[in-house]
PDB file of N, CA and C in Angstrom:
ATOM      1  N   MET A   1     -49.469-165.045  43.725  1.00  0.00           N
ATOM      2  CA  MET A   1     -49.144-166.237  42.956  1.00  0.00           C
ATOM      3  C   MET A   1     -49.253-165.918  41.488  1.00  0.00           C
ATOM      4  N   LYS A   2     -48.217-166.276  40.732  1.00  0.00           N
ATOM      5  CA  LYS A   2     -48.190-165.987  39.296  1.00  0.00           C
ATOM      6  C   LYS A   2     -49.007-167.021  38.505  1.00  0.00           C
ATOM      7  N   PRO A   3     -49.626-166.568  37.442  1.00  0.00           N
ATOM      8  CA  PRO A   3     -50.347-167.574  36.584  1.00  0.00           C
ATOM      9  C   PRO A   3     -49.299-168.393  35.882  1.00  0.00           C
ATOM     10  N   ALA A   4     -49.684-169.625  35.489  1.00  0.00           N
ATOM     11  CA  ALA A   4     -48.775-170.535  34.822  1.00  0.00           C
ATOM     12  C   ALA A   4     -48.327-169.919  33.469  1.00  0.00           C
ATOM     13  N   GLU A   5     -47.024-170.010  33.209  1.00  0.00           N
ATOM     14  CA  GLU A   5     -46.514-169.484  31.992  1.00  0.00           C
ATOM     15  C   GLU A   5     -46.688-170.507  30.865  1.00  0.00           C
ATOM     16  N   GLY A   6     -47.388-170.146  29.807  1.00  0.00           N
ATOM     17  CA  GLY A   6     -47.513-171.033  28.649  1.00  0.00           C
ATOM     18  C   GLY A   6     -46.439-170.693  27.648  1.00  0.00           C
ATOM     19  N   SER A   7     -46.360-171.479  26.622  1.00  0.00           N
ATOM     20  CA  SER A   7     -45.375-171.165  25.564  1.00  0.00           C
ATOM     21  C   SER A   7     -45.829-169.920  24.831  1.00  0.00           C
ATOM     22  N   SER A   8     -44.857-169.115  24.489  1.00  0.00           N
ATOM     23  CA  SER A   8     -45.204-167.852  23.832  1.00  0.00           C
ATOM     24  C   SER A   8     -45.788-168.103  22.437  1.00  0.00           C
ATOM     25  N   ALA A   9     -45.398-169.178  21.789  1.00  0.00           N
ATOM     26  CA  ALA A   9     -45.964-169.512  20.474  1.00  0.00           C
ATOM     27  C   ALA A   9     -47.446-169.870  20.611  1.00  0.00           C
ATOM     28  N   GLY A  10     -47.788-170.618  21.622  1.00  0.00           N
ATOM     29  CA  GLY A  10     -49.181-170.980  21.884  1.00  0.00           C
ATOM     30  C   GLY A  10     -50.025-169.748  22.239  1.00  0.00           C
ATOM     31  N   ARG A  11     -49.471-168.876  23.049  1.00  0.00           N
ATOM     32  CA  ARG A  11     -50.210-167.656  23.379  1.00  0.00           C
ATOM     33  C   ARG A  11     -50.388-166.764  22.195  1.00  0.00           C
ATOM     34  N   PHE A  12     -49.380-166.713  21.335  1.00  0.00           N
ATOM     35  CA  PHE A  12     -49.443-165.917  20.100  1.00  0.00           C
ATOM     36  C   PHE A  12     -50.571-166.446  19.187  1.00  0.00           C
ATOM     37  N   LEU A  13     -50.592-167.783  19.065  1.00  0.00           N
ATOM     38  CA  LEU A  13     -51.639-168.386  18.228  1.00  0.00           C
ATOM     39  C   LEU A  13     -53.031-168.106  18.765  1.00  0.00           C
ATOM     40  N   MET A  14     -53.175-168.181  20.101  1.00  0.00           N
ATOM     41  CA  MET A  14     -54.493-167.930  20.685  1.00  0.00           C
ATOM     42  C   MET A  14     -54.895-166.472  20.624  1.00  0.00           C
ATOM     43  N   GLN A  15     -53.963-165.596  20.855  1.00  0.00           N
ATOM     44  CA  GLN A  15     -54.297-164.172  21.016  1.00  0.00           C
ATOM     45  C   GLN A  15     -54.228-163.364  19.724  1.00  0.00           C
ATOM     46  N   VAL A  16     -53.577-163.895  18.717  1.00  0.00           N
ATOM     47  CA  VAL A  16     -53.430-163.133  17.459  1.00  0.00           C
ATOM     48  C   VAL A  16     -54.066-163.880  16.306  1.00  0.00           C
ATOM     49  N   LEU A  17     -53.639-165.076  16.008  1.00  0.00           N
ATOM     50  CA  LEU A  17     -54.055-165.736  14.802  1.00  0.00           C
ATOM     51  C   LEU A  17     -55.533-166.217  14.821  1.00  0.00           C
ATOM     52  N   TRP A  18     -55.979-166.664  15.973  1.00  0.00           N
ATOM     53  CA  TRP A  18     -57.351-167.155  16.044  1.00  0.00           C
ATOM     54  C   TRP A  18     -58.374-166.023  15.916  1.00  0.00           C
ATOM     55  N   PRO A  19     -58.272-164.924  16.655  1.00  0.00           N
ATOM     56  CA  PRO A  19     -59.204-163.808  16.436  1.00  0.00           C
ATOM     57  C   PRO A  19     -59.149-163.246  15.029  1.00  0.00           C
ATOM     58  N   SER A  20     -57.961-163.132  14.479  1.00  0.00           N
ATOM     59  CA  SER A  20     -57.869-162.598  13.111  1.00  0.00           C
ATOM     60  C   SER A  20     -58.474-163.560  12.109  1.00  0.00           C
ATOM     61  N   PHE A  21     -58.384-164.850  12.363  1.00  0.00           N
ATOM     62  CA  PHE A  21     -59.042-165.872  11.495  1.00  0.00           C
ATOM     63  C   PHE A  21     -60.557-165.631  11.508  1.00  0.00           C
ATOM     64  N   LEU A  22     -61.111-165.467  12.702  1.00  0.00           N
ATOM     65  CA  LEU A  22     -62.551-165.297  12.805  1.00  0.00           C
ATOM     66  C   LEU A  22     -63.031-163.976  12.126  1.00  0.00           C
ATOM     67  N   VAL A  23     -62.288-162.897  12.295  1.00  0.00           N
ATOM     68  CA  VAL A  23     -62.641-161.654  11.682  1.00  0.00           C
ATOM     69  C   VAL A  23     -62.477-161.698  10.170  1.00  0.00           C
ATOM     70  N   ALA A  24     -61.480-162.445   9.705  1.00  0.00           N
ATOM     71  CA  ALA A  24     -61.268-162.616   8.239  1.00  0.00           C
ATOM     72  C   ALA A  24     -62.493-163.334   7.616  1.00  0.00           C
ATOM     73  N   ILE A  25     -63.027-164.315   8.343  1.00  0.00           N
ATOM     74  CA  ILE A  25     -64.249-165.031   7.847  1.00  0.00           C
ATOM     75  C   ILE A  25     -65.396-164.019   7.686  1.00  0.00           C
ATOM     76  N   LEU A  26     -65.571-163.203   8.688  1.00  0.00           N
ATOM     77  CA  LEU A  26     -66.649-162.205   8.623  1.00  0.00           C
ATOM     78  C   LEU A  26     -66.395-161.194   7.525  1.00  0.00           C
ATOM     79  N   ALA A  27     -65.171-160.674   7.394  1.00  0.00           N
ATOM     80  CA  ALA A  27     -64.832-159.680   6.415  1.00  0.00           C
ATOM     81  C   ALA A  27     -65.017-160.246   4.979  1.00  0.00           C
ATOM     82  N   GLU A  28     -64.630-161.471   4.778  1.00  0.00           N
ATOM     83  CA  GLU A  28     -64.782-162.087   3.462  1.00  0.00           C
ATOM     84  C   GLU A  28     -66.263-162.240   3.114  1.00  0.00           C
ATOM     85  N   GLY A  29     -67.067-162.648   4.087  1.00  0.00           N
ATOM     86  CA  GLY A  29     -68.504-162.764   3.846  1.00  0.00           C
ATOM     87  C   GLY A  29     -69.117-161.462   3.468  1.00  0.00           C
ATOM     88  N   VAL A  30     -68.780-160.411   4.203  1.00  0.00           N
ATOM     89  CA  VAL A  30     -69.358-159.084   3.899  1.00  0.00           C
ATOM     90  C   VAL A  30     -68.842-158.568   2.551  1.00  0.00           C
ATOM     91  N   PHE A  31     -67.515-158.685   2.329  1.00  0.00           N
ATOM     92  CA  PHE A  31     -66.949-158.132   1.106  1.00  0.00           C
ATOM     93  C   PHE A  31     -67.539-158.830  -0.141  1.00  0.00           C
ATOM     94  N   PHE A  32     -67.512-160.164  -0.136  1.00  0.00           N
ATOM     95  CA  PHE A  32     -67.946-160.914  -1.337  1.00  0.00           C
ATOM     96  C   PHE A  32     -69.482-161.003  -1.442  1.00  0.00           C
ATOM     97  N   SER A  33     -70.234-160.568  -0.467  1.00  0.00           N
ATOM     98  CA  SER A  33     -71.649-160.455  -0.626  1.00  0.00           C
ATOM     99  C   SER A  33     -71.991-159.175  -1.390  1.00  0.00           C
ATOM    100  N   MET A  34     -71.040-158.232  -1.423  1.00  0.00           N
ATOM    101  CA  MET A  34     -71.268-156.976  -2.128  1.00  0.00           C
ATOM    102  C   MET A  34     -70.557-156.918  -3.471  1.00  0.00           C
ATOM    103  N   VAL A  35     -69.465-157.723  -3.648  1.00  0.00           N
ATOM    104  CA  VAL A  35     -68.648-157.643  -4.820  1.00  0.00           C
ATOM    105  C   VAL A  35     -68.583-159.018  -5.457  1.00  0.00           C
ATOM    106  N   ASP A  36     -68.830-159.102  -6.762  1.00  0.00           N
ATOM    107  CA  ASP A  36     -68.700-160.360  -7.483  1.00  0.00           C
ATOM    108  C   ASP A  36     -67.205-160.549  -7.850  1.00  0.00           C
ATOM    109  N   PRO A  37     -66.622-161.657  -7.445  1.00  0.00           N
ATOM    110  CA  PRO A  37     -65.194-161.860  -7.667  1.00  0.00           C
ATOM    111  C   PRO A  37     -64.829-161.834  -9.138  1.00  0.00           C
ATOM    112  N   GLU A  38     -65.731-162.208 -10.045  1.00  0.00           N
ATOM    113  CA  GLU A  38     -65.394-162.202 -11.463  1.00  0.00           C
ATOM    114  C   GLU A  38     -65.383-160.785 -12.036  1.00  0.00           C
ATOM    115  N   GLU A  39     -65.880-159.814 -11.320  1.00  0.00           N
ATOM    116  CA  GLU A  39     -65.858-158.417 -11.784  1.00  0.00           C
ATOM    117  C   GLU A  39     -64.699-157.655 -11.258  1.00  0.00           C
ATOM    118  N   LEU A  40     -63.833-158.235 -10.438  1.00  0.00           N
ATOM    119  CA  LEU A  40     -62.669-157.528  -9.896  1.00  0.00           C
ATOM    120  C   LEU A  40     -61.631-157.332 -10.970  1.00  0.00           C
ATOM    121  N   THR A  41     -61.246-156.092 -11.209  1.00  0.00           N
ATOM    122  CA  THR A  41     -60.209-155.765 -12.180  1.00  0.00           C
ATOM    123  C   THR A  41     -59.273-154.757 -11.554  1.00  0.00           C
ATOM    124  N   LEU A  42     -58.032-154.781 -12.037  1.00  0.00           N
ATOM    125  CA  LEU A  42     -57.011-153.825 -11.600  1.00  0.00           C
ATOM    126  C   LEU A  42     -56.289-153.366 -12.888  1.00  0.00           C
ATOM    127  N   ILE A  43     -56.514-152.128 -13.233  1.00  0.00           N
ATOM    128  CA  ILE A  43     -55.940-151.532 -14.443  1.00  0.00           C
ATOM    129  C   ILE A  43     -56.259-152.380 -15.679  1.00  0.00           C
ATOM    130  N   GLY A  44     -57.522-152.775 -15.779  1.00  0.00           N
ATOM    131  CA  GLY A  44     -58.012-153.537 -16.915  1.00  0.00           C
ATOM    132  C   GLY A  44     -57.687-155.041 -16.903  1.00  0.00           C
ATOM    133  N   ILE A  45     -57.017-155.506 -15.876  1.00  0.00           N
ATOM    134  CA  ILE A  45     -56.635-156.929 -15.787  1.00  0.00           C
ATOM    135  C   ILE A  45     -57.599-157.608 -14.823  1.00  0.00           C
ATOM    136  N   ARG A  46     -58.195-158.709 -15.264  1.00  0.00           N
ATOM    137  CA  ARG A  46     -59.068-159.470 -14.368  1.00  0.00           C
ATOM    138  C   ARG A  46     -58.238-160.146 -13.290  1.00  0.00           C
ATOM    139  N   LEU A  47     -58.673-160.043 -12.034  1.00  0.00           N
ATOM    140  CA  LEU A  47     -57.940-160.599 -10.935  1.00  0.00           C
ATOM    141  C   LEU A  47     -58.289-162.040 -10.618  1.00  0.00           C
ATOM    142  N   ALA A  48     -59.424-162.508 -11.056  1.00  0.00           N
ATOM    143  CA  ALA A  48     -59.833-163.853 -10.651  1.00  0.00           C
ATOM    144  C   ALA A  48     -60.216-164.666 -11.875  1.00  0.00           C
ATOM    145  N   ASP A  49     -59.661-165.872 -11.971  1.00  0.00           N
ATOM    146  CA  ASP A  49     -60.076-166.793 -13.015  1.00  0.00           C
ATOM    147  C   ASP A  49     -61.291-167.605 -12.587  1.00  0.00           C
ATOM    148  N   SER A  50     -61.380-167.829 -11.283  1.00  0.00           N
ATOM    149  CA  SER A  50     -62.548-168.538 -10.750  1.00  0.00           C
ATOM    150  C   SER A  50     -62.998-167.889  -9.447  1.00  0.00           C
ATOM    151  N   ARG A  51     -64.253-168.134  -9.135  1.00  0.00           N
ATOM    152  CA  ARG A  51     -64.795-167.557  -7.882  1.00  0.00           C
ATOM    153  C   ARG A  51     -64.141-168.186  -6.695  1.00  0.00           C
ATOM    154  N   GLU A  52     -63.913-169.493  -6.727  1.00  0.00           N
ATOM    155  CA  GLU A  52     -63.333-170.190  -5.624  1.00  0.00           C
ATOM    156  C   GLU A  52     -61.876-169.670  -5.357  1.00  0.00           C
ATOM    157  N   GLY A  53     -61.168-169.434  -6.403  1.00  0.00           N
ATOM    158  CA  GLY A  53     -59.810-168.916  -6.250  1.00  0.00           C
ATOM    159  C   GLY A  53     -59.829-167.518  -5.650  1.00  0.00           C
ATOM    160  N   ALA A  54     -60.788-166.690  -6.076  1.00  0.00           N
ATOM    161  CA  ALA A  54     -60.890-165.337  -5.536  1.00  0.00           C
ATOM    162  C   ALA A  54     -61.305-165.395  -4.064  1.00  0.00           C
ATOM    163  N   TYR A  55     -62.172-166.283  -3.705  1.00  0.00           N
ATOM    164  CA  TYR A  55     -62.563-166.443  -2.288  1.00  0.00           C
ATOM    165  C   TYR A  55     -61.362-166.891  -1.449  1.00  0.00           C
ATOM    166  N   THR A  56     -60.585-167.784  -1.972  1.00  0.00           N
ATOM    167  CA  THR A  56     -59.436-168.268  -1.230  1.00  0.00           C
ATOM    168  C   THR A  56     -58.366-167.186  -1.037  1.00  0.00           C
ATOM    169  N   VAL A  57     -58.025-166.524  -2.142  1.00  0.00           N
ATOM    170  CA  VAL A  57     -57.025-165.438  -2.053  1.00  0.00           C
ATOM    171  C   VAL A  57     -57.523-164.296  -1.194  1.00  0.00           C
ATOM    172  N   GLY A  58     -58.837-163.956  -1.355  1.00  0.00           N
ATOM    173  CA  GLY A  58     -59.411-162.902  -0.545  1.00  0.00           C
ATOM    174  C   GLY A  58     -59.361-163.221   0.929  1.00  0.00           C
ATOM    175  N   PHE A  59     -59.717-164.448   1.292  1.00  0.00           N
ATOM    176  CA  PHE A  59     -59.660-164.840   2.692  1.00  0.00           C
ATOM    177  C   PHE A  59     -58.255-164.746   3.223  1.00  0.00           C
ATOM    178  N   LEU A  60     -57.272-165.249   2.500  1.00  0.00           N
ATOM    179  CA  LEU A  60     -55.886-165.235   2.965  1.00  0.00           C
ATOM    180  C   LEU A  60     -55.367-163.786   3.086  1.00  0.00           C
ATOM    181  N   LEU A  61     -55.738-162.908   2.166  1.00  0.00           N
ATOM    182  CA  LEU A  61     -55.334-161.511   2.297  1.00  0.00           C
ATOM    183  C   LEU A  61     -55.986-160.831   3.505  1.00  0.00           C
ATOM    184  N   PHE A  62     -57.271-161.106   3.728  1.00  0.00           N
ATOM    185  CA  PHE A  62     -57.931-160.578   4.929  1.00  0.00           C
ATOM    186  C   PHE A  62     -57.259-161.088   6.198  1.00  0.00           C
ATOM    187  N   TRP A  63     -56.968-162.398   6.178  1.00  0.00           N
ATOM    188  CA  TRP A  63     -56.354-162.998   7.381  1.00  0.00           C
ATOM    189  C   TRP A  63     -54.982-162.386   7.664  1.00  0.00           C
ATOM    190  N   VAL A  64     -54.193-162.184   6.622  1.00  0.00           N
ATOM    191  CA  VAL A  64     -52.852-161.567   6.813  1.00  0.00           C
ATOM    192  C   VAL A  64     -53.017-160.143   7.314  1.00  0.00           C
ATOM    193  N   LEU A  65     -53.932-159.398   6.744  1.00  0.00           N
ATOM    194  CA  LEU A  65     -54.185-158.000   7.174  1.00  0.00           C
ATOM    195  C   LEU A  65     -54.614-157.947   8.633  1.00  0.00           C
ATOM    196  N   PHE A  66     -55.558-158.742   9.024  1.00  0.00           N
ATOM    197  CA  PHE A  66     -56.021-158.734  10.421  1.00  0.00           C
ATOM    198  C   PHE A  66     -54.990-159.341  11.383  1.00  0.00           C
ATOM    199  N   SER A  67     -54.174-160.283  10.904  1.00  0.00           N
ATOM    200  CA  SER A  67     -53.116-160.816  11.731  1.00  0.00           C
ATOM    201  C   SER A  67     -52.048-159.759  12.021  1.00  0.00           C
ATOM    202  N   LEU A  68     -51.726-158.959  11.003  1.00  0.00           N
ATOM    203  CA  LEU A  68     -50.789-157.872  11.230  1.00  0.00           C
ATOM    204  C   LEU A  68     -51.325-156.864  12.252  1.00  0.00           C
ATOM    205  N   SER A  69     -52.586-156.542  12.137  1.00  0.00           N
ATOM    206  CA  SER A  69     -53.225-155.618  13.075  1.00  0.00           C
ATOM    207  C   SER A  69     -53.237-156.185  14.482  1.00  0.00           C
ATOM    208  N   SER A  70     -53.634-157.444  14.643  1.00  0.00           N
ATOM    209  CA  SER A  70     -53.675-158.045  15.941  1.00  0.00           C
ATOM    210  C   SER A  70     -52.276-158.254  16.505  1.00  0.00           C
ATOM    211  N   GLY A  71     -51.351-158.595  15.628  1.00  0.00           N
ATOM    212  CA  GLY A  71     -49.984-158.788  16.087  1.00  0.00           C
ATOM    213  C   GLY A  71     -49.328-157.521  16.632  1.00  0.00           C
ATOM    214  N   LEU A  72     -49.616-156.411  15.946  1.00  0.00           N
ATOM    215  CA  LEU A  72     -49.110-155.127  16.424  1.00  0.00           C
ATOM    216  C   LEU A  72     -49.680-154.783  17.792  1.00  0.00           C
ATOM    217  N   THR A  73     -50.985-155.030  17.953  1.00  0.00           N
ATOM    218  CA  THR A  73     -51.628-154.798  19.275  1.00  0.00           C
ATOM    219  C   THR A  73     -50.994-155.717  20.311  1.00  0.00           C
ATOM    220  N   TRP A  74     -50.776-156.952  19.968  1.00  0.00           N
ATOM    221  CA  TRP A  74     -50.182-157.937  20.908  1.00  0.00           C
ATOM    222  C   TRP A  74     -48.792-157.499  21.311  1.00  0.00           C
ATOM    223  N   LEU A  75     -47.995-157.039  20.371  1.00  0.00           N
ATOM    224  CA  LEU A  75     -46.643-156.542  20.697  1.00  0.00           C
ATOM    225  C   LEU A  75     -46.684-155.327  21.604  1.00  0.00           C
ATOM    226  N   LEU A  76     -47.600-154.364  21.303  1.00  0.00           N
ATOM    227  CA  LEU A  76     -47.675-153.197  22.147  1.00  0.00           C
ATOM    228  C   LEU A  76     -48.130-153.533  23.551  1.00  0.00           C
ATOM    229  N   MET A  77     -49.098-154.411  23.704  1.00  0.00           N
ATOM    230  CA  MET A  77     -49.574-154.804  25.032  1.00  0.00           C
ATOM    231  C   MET A  77     -48.530-155.626  25.769  1.00  0.00           C
ATOM    232  N   ARG A  78     -47.766-156.453  25.076  1.00  0.00           N
ATOM    233  CA  ARG A  78     -46.738-157.270  25.682  1.00  0.00           C
ATOM    234  C   ARG A  78     -45.649-156.380  26.229  1.00  0.00           C
ATOM    235  N   GLY A  79     -45.309-155.322  25.497  1.00  0.00           N
ATOM    236  CA  GLY A  79     -44.264-154.399  25.909  1.00  0.00           C
ATOM    237  C   GLY A  79     -44.694-153.599  27.136  1.00  0.00           C
ATOM    238  N   SER A  80     -45.953-153.259  27.254  1.00  0.00           N
ATOM    239  CA  SER A  80     -46.418-152.449  28.374  1.00  0.00           C
ATOM    240  C   SER A  80     -46.564-153.232  29.681  1.00  0.00           C
ATOM    241  N   SER A  81     -46.668-154.556  29.579  1.00  0.00           N
ATOM    242  CA  SER A  81     -46.883-155.334  30.813  1.00  0.00           C
ATOM    243  C   SER A  81     -45.541-155.671  31.487  1.00  0.00           C
ATOM    244  N   ARG A  82     -44.438-155.408  30.819  1.00  0.00           N
ATOM    245  CA  ARG A  82     -43.120-155.708  31.435  1.00  0.00           C
ATOM    246  C   ARG A  82     -42.600-154.591  32.252  1.00  0.00           C
TER     247      ARG A  82
END
């Protein structure tokens, strides 16, 4: 008997975006506990005008990075099961 087929968008959200969201929370906590957002510079240009803005942008960047990683794993596993 086959398991019930759910929508692929729902499965994608559960298997990729949710775990990457949780890991992004952890990564942001670890990263910003070691680095002050107001001290971030790139070629002499300050990257953050406010700490809250840096936390928000940092979280979104971590989430995108981990989503790409989880998405690639999801695609590879999906291809092997067929």
